[in-house]
C-alpha atoms as a PDB file:
ATOM      1  CA  MET A   1     -31.115   5.667 -13.597  1.00  0.00           C
ATOM      2  CA  ARG A   2     -31.935   8.300 -11.080  1.00  0.00           C
ATOM      3  CA  LEU A   3     -34.335   6.514  -9.216  1.00  0.00           C
ATOM      4  CA  ARG A   4     -31.361   3.508  -8.971  1.00  0.00           C
ATOM      5  CA  ILE A   5     -29.050   6.480  -7.704  1.00  0.00           C
ATOM      6  CA  ARG A   6     -31.824   7.744  -4.863  1.00  0.00           C
ATOM      7  CA  ILE A   7     -32.382   4.466  -3.624  1.00  0.00           C
ATOM      8  CA  PHE A   8     -28.529   3.882  -2.859  1.00  0.00           C
ATOM      9  CA  HIS A   9     -28.550   7.245  -1.135  1.00  0.00           C
ATOM     10  CA  LEU A  10     -31.463   6.435   0.814  1.00  0.00           C
ATOM     11  CA  TYR A  11     -30.055   2.850   1.901  1.00  0.00           C
ATOM     12  CA  HIS A  12     -26.772   4.578   2.850  1.00  0.00           C
ATOM     13  CA  LEU A  13     -28.184   7.404   4.838  1.00  0.00           C
ATOM     14  CA  LEU A  14     -30.691   4.965   6.814  1.00  0.00           C
ATOM     15  CA  ARG A  15     -27.510   2.548   7.303  1.00  0.00           C
ATOM     16  CA  ARG A  16     -25.312   5.800   8.467  1.00  0.00           C
ATOM     17  CA  PRO A  17     -22.009   4.800   7.390  1.00  0.00           C
ATOM     18  CA  LEU A  18     -19.362   6.971   7.111  1.00  0.00           C
ATOM     19  CA  THR A  19     -18.534   7.641   3.540  1.00  0.00           C
ATOM     20  CA  VAL A  20     -15.154   8.915   1.700  1.00  0.00           C
ATOM     21  CA  GLY A  21     -14.591   9.474  -2.398  1.00  0.00           C
ATOM     22  CA  VAL A  22     -12.116  11.790  -3.974  1.00  0.00           C
ATOM     23  CA  ARG A  23     -11.664  14.550  -6.280  1.00  0.00           C
ATOM     24  CA  ALA A  24      -9.230  15.267  -8.786  1.00  0.00           C
ATOM     25  CA  VAL A  25      -7.319  19.082  -9.805  1.00  0.00           C
ATOM     26  CA  VAL A  26      -6.125  17.393 -13.094  1.00  0.00           C
ATOM     27  CA  ILE A  27      -4.120  20.365 -14.946  1.00  0.00           C
ATOM     28  CA  ASP A  28      -2.466  20.234 -18.176  1.00  0.00           C
ATOM     29  CA  ALA A  29       1.159  21.572 -19.175  1.00  0.00           C
ATOM     30  CA  HIS A  30      -1.074  24.592 -20.235  1.00  0.00           C
ATOM     31  CA  GLY A  31      -3.074  25.380 -17.084  1.00  0.00           C
ATOM     32  CA  ALA A  32      -6.647  23.628 -18.570  1.00  0.00           C
ATOM     33  CA  ILE A  33      -8.187  21.865 -15.941  1.00  0.00           C
ATOM     34  CA  LEU A  34      -9.932  18.588 -16.942  1.00  0.00           C
ATOM     35  CA  LEU A  35     -14.000  18.995 -15.916  1.00  0.00           C
ATOM     36  CA  VAL A  36     -16.707  16.054 -15.930  1.00  0.00           C
ATOM     37  CA  ARG A  37     -20.144  16.297 -16.613  1.00  0.00           C
ATOM     38  CA  HIS A  38     -22.221  13.680 -15.508  1.00  0.00           C
ATOM     39  CA  THR A  39     -25.394  12.119 -17.299  1.00  0.00           C
ATOM     40  CA  TYR A  40     -27.191  11.719 -13.731  1.00  0.00           C
ATOM     41  CA  VAL A  41     -26.807  15.306 -12.156  1.00  0.00           C
ATOM     42  CA  GLY A  42     -26.326  19.171 -14.036  1.00  0.00           C
ATOM     43  CA  GLY A  43     -23.275  20.994 -14.064  1.00  0.00           C
ATOM     44  CA  TRP A  44     -19.254  20.701 -14.821  1.00  0.00           C
ATOM     45  CA  HIS A  45     -17.674  18.406 -11.505  1.00  0.00           C
ATOM     46  CA  LEU A  46     -13.867  17.668 -10.959  1.00  0.00           C
ATOM     47  CA  PRO A  47     -13.649  13.866 -11.939  1.00  0.00           C
ATOM     48  CA  GLY A  48     -14.022  11.402  -8.926  1.00  0.00           C
ATOM     49  CA  GLY A  49     -15.822   9.529  -6.848  1.00  0.00           C
ATOM     50  CA  GLY A  50     -16.667   7.173  -4.146  1.00  0.00           C
ATOM     51  CA  VAL A  51     -13.945   5.264  -2.350  1.00  0.00           C
ATOM     52  CA  GLU A  52     -14.673   1.585  -2.991  1.00  0.00           C
ATOM     53  CA  PRO A  53     -14.235  -1.178   0.889  1.00  0.00           C
ATOM     54  CA  GLY A  54     -10.664  -2.093   0.898  1.00  0.00           C
ATOM     55  CA  GLU A  55      -9.912   0.444  -1.312  1.00  0.00           C
ATOM     56  CA  THR A  56      -7.099   3.278  -0.694  1.00  0.00           C
ATOM     57  CA  LEU A  57      -7.978   6.948  -1.366  1.00  0.00           C
ATOM     58  CA  GLU A  58      -5.027   6.940  -4.032  1.00  0.00           C
ATOM     59  CA  ASP A  59      -6.395   3.636  -5.233  1.00  0.00           C
ATOM     60  CA  CYS A  60     -10.054   4.851  -5.650  1.00  0.00           C
ATOM     61  CA  LEU A  61      -8.397   8.507  -7.509  1.00  0.00           C
ATOM     62  CA  VAL A  62      -6.642   5.875 -10.063  1.00  0.00           C
ATOM     63  CA  ARG A  63      -9.814   4.334 -11.082  1.00  0.00           C
ATOM     64  CA  GLU A  64     -11.862   7.201 -11.009  1.00  0.00           C
ATOM     65  CA  LEU A  65      -9.440   9.083 -13.394  1.00  0.00           C
ATOM     66  CA  ARG A  66      -9.849   6.170 -15.700  1.00  0.00           C
ATOM     67  CA  GLU A  67     -12.887   5.919 -15.977  1.00  0.00           C
ATOM     68  CA  GLU A  68     -13.989   9.174 -16.032  1.00  0.00           C
ATOM     69  CA  GLY A  69     -11.496  11.328 -18.195  1.00  0.00           C
ATOM     70  CA  ASN A  70      -8.820   8.012 -19.450  1.00  0.00           C
ATOM     71  CA  ILE A  71      -6.195   9.821 -17.300  1.00  0.00           C
ATOM     72  CA  VAL A  72      -3.412   7.643 -15.752  1.00  0.00           C
ATOM     73  CA  LEU A  73      -1.068   9.067 -13.312  1.00  0.00           C
ATOM     74  CA  LEU A  74       2.769   8.744 -13.852  1.00  0.00           C
ATOM     75  CA  GLY A  75       3.676  10.946 -10.726  1.00  0.00           C
ATOM     76  CA  SER A  76       2.450  10.796  -7.032  1.00  0.00           C
ATOM     77  CA  PRO A  77      -1.453  13.221  -6.594  1.00  0.00           C
ATOM     78  CA  VAL A  78      -0.848  15.821  -3.947  1.00  0.00           C
ATOM     79  CA  LEU A  79      -3.639  15.839  -1.600  1.00  0.00           C
ATOM     80  CA  LYS A  80      -4.380  19.653  -1.125  1.00  0.00           C
ATOM     81  CA  SER A  81      -7.507  19.476   1.052  1.00  0.00           C
ATOM     82  CA  VAL A  82     -10.060  17.535   2.755  1.00  0.00           C
ATOM     83  CA  HIS A  83     -14.178  18.667   2.942  1.00  0.00           C
ATOM     84  CA  LEU A  84     -17.193  17.513   4.893  1.00  0.00           C
ATOM     85  CA  ASN A  85     -19.852  17.242   1.922  1.00  0.00           C
ATOM     86  CA  ARG A  86     -23.269  17.986   3.817  1.00  0.00           C
ATOM     87  CA  SER A  87     -25.155  18.074   0.510  1.00  0.00           C
ATOM     88  CA  ALA A  88     -24.613  14.210   0.219  1.00  0.00           C
ATOM     89  CA  SER A  89     -25.198  13.428   3.892  1.00  0.00           C
ATOM     90  CA  ARG A  90     -23.889  14.241   7.371  1.00  0.00           C
ATOM     91  CA  ARG A  91     -21.075  11.777   7.263  1.00  0.00           C
ATOM     92  CA  ASP A  92     -19.299  12.168   3.448  1.00  0.00           C
ATOM     93  CA  HIS A  93     -15.944  13.470   3.479  1.00  0.00           C
ATOM     94  CA  VAL A  94     -13.905  14.688  -0.348  1.00  0.00           C
ATOM     95  CA  ALA A  95     -10.289  14.606  -0.332  1.00  0.00           C
ATOM     96  CA  VAL A  96      -9.142  16.549  -2.928  1.00  0.00           C
ATOM     97  CA  TYR A  97      -5.772  15.897  -4.590  1.00  0.00           C
ATOM     98  CA  LEU A  98      -3.819  18.091  -7.600  1.00  0.00           C
ATOM     99  CA  VAL A  99      -2.681  15.786 -10.511  1.00  0.00           C
ATOM    100  CA  ALA A 100       0.466  17.263 -12.894  1.00  0.00           C
ATOM    101  CA  ASP A 101       1.921  14.659 -14.210  1.00  0.00           C
ATOM    102  CA  PHE A 102      -0.561  12.345 -15.935  1.00  0.00           C
ATOM    103  CA  ARG A 103      -1.201  11.281 -19.488  1.00  0.00           C
ATOM    104  CA  GLN A 104      -4.501  11.127 -21.325  1.00  0.00           C
ATOM    105  CA  GLU A 105      -5.023   8.245 -23.539  1.00  0.00           C
ATOM    106  CA  GLY A 106      -7.630   9.149 -25.738  1.00  0.00           C
ATOM    107  CA  LYS A 107     -10.494  11.639 -25.556  1.00  0.00           C
ATOM    108  CA  ARG A 108     -13.381  10.139 -22.832  1.00  0.00           C
ATOM    109  CA  LYS A 109     -16.685   8.760 -25.242  1.00  0.00           C
ATOM    110  CA  PRO A 110     -19.706   9.142 -23.670  1.00  0.00           C
ATOM    111  CA  ASP A 111     -21.692   6.311 -21.806  1.00  0.00           C
ATOM    112  CA  LEU A 112     -24.194   6.194 -19.367  1.00  0.00           C
ATOM    113  CA  GLU A 113     -22.538   7.770 -16.595  1.00  0.00           C
ATOM    114  CA  ILE A 114     -19.815  10.439 -18.201  1.00  0.00           C
ATOM    115  CA  ALA A 115     -21.638  12.265 -20.891  1.00  0.00           C
ATOM    116  CA  GLU A 116     -18.839  14.647 -21.635  1.00  0.00           C
ATOM    117  CA  ALA A 117     -14.425  15.201 -20.047  1.00  0.00           C
ATOM    118  CA  ARG A 118     -12.775  18.133 -21.205  1.00  0.00           C
ATOM    119  CA  PHE A 119      -9.826  20.261 -20.568  1.00  0.00           C
ATOM    120  CA  PHE A 120     -10.987  24.103 -19.767  1.00  0.00           C
ATOM    121  CA  PRO A 121      -8.515  27.267 -19.358  1.00  0.00           C
ATOM    122  CA  LEU A 122      -9.147  28.070 -15.682  1.00  0.00           C
ATOM    123  CA  ASP A 123      -9.771  31.132 -16.103  1.00  0.00           C
ATOM    124  CA  ASP A 124     -12.700  30.425 -19.175  1.00  0.00           C
ATOM    125  CA  LEU A 125     -14.825  27.218 -17.118  1.00  0.00           C
ATOM    126  CA  PRO A 126     -17.804  26.285 -18.921  1.00  0.00           C
ATOM    127  CA  ASP A 127     -21.261  27.426 -17.381  1.00  0.00           C
ATOM    128  CA  GLY A 128     -22.375  24.894 -15.398  1.00  0.00           C
ATOM    129  CA  THR A 129     -19.525  24.308 -13.520  1.00  0.00           C
ATOM    130  CA  THR A 130     -20.666  23.605  -9.684  1.00  0.00           C
ATOM    131  CA  SER A 131     -19.852  25.925  -7.150  1.00  0.00           C
ATOM    132  CA  GLY A 132     -17.830  22.879  -4.837  1.00  0.00           C
ATOM    133  CA  THR A 133     -15.807  22.899  -8.189  1.00  0.00           C
ATOM    134  CA  ARG A 134     -15.298  26.411  -8.350  1.00  0.00           C
ATOM    135  CA  ARG A 135     -14.172  26.687  -4.648  1.00  0.00           C
ATOM    136  CA  ARG A 136     -12.021  24.249  -4.831  1.00  0.00           C
ATOM    137  CA  LEU A 137      -9.810  25.690  -8.161  1.00  0.00           C
ATOM    138  CA  ALA A 138     -10.491  29.020  -6.034  1.00  0.00           C
ATOM    139  CA  GLU A 139      -8.604  27.755  -3.156  1.00  0.00           C
ATOM    140  CA  ILE A 140      -5.552  25.966  -4.602  1.00  0.00           C
ATOM    141  CA  PHE A 141      -4.788  28.338  -7.577  1.00  0.00           C
ATOM    142  CA  ASN A 142      -6.055  31.750  -6.383  1.00  0.00           C
ATOM    143  CA  GLY A 143      -5.230  31.177  -2.356  1.00  0.00           C
ATOM    144  CA  GLN A 144      -8.805  31.264  -1.228  1.00  0.00           C
ATOM    145  CA  PRO A 145      -8.906  30.053   2.675  1.00  0.00           C
ATOM    146  CA  VAL A 146      -9.889  26.108   2.428  1.00  0.00           C
ATOM    147  CA  SER A 147     -13.519  25.521   3.507  1.00  0.00           C
ATOM    148  CA  ALA A 148     -13.883  22.492   5.864  1.00  0.00           C
ATOM    149  CA  GLU A 149     -17.080  21.980   4.090  1.00  0.00           C
ATOM    150  CA  TRP A 150     -17.536  21.289   0.214  1.00  0.00           C
END
């Protein structure tokens, strides 16, 4: 699986296309945040992924939330920021949405991509929460300045 992902990234780096992704800050009524742990990369992340050809940012958000957390949007997500993600490539951008109006259709079961998806209190994030995830949460909830970079 990791080799396939590396080959995919190498292919895209060589072609040099602009890539766009989305991440969601899903917050429940108790102030807990949905985080996911992937099988192919370490740490806890905001749910999200890459926008497919012909797909809007919001279409991608809807798809990724369903796939990664069994989350169904009930209201409109709020675009909070857009960041350059140099760790993926010099041409990768990530749009961050705040999602508060949703329902979860059962717990997310582990599979080949997602090892775990859980809600955590904002003041008690798990060890291994990525620095990018922590920065986005601080920007949205603690008034930190929004960085142009992931």
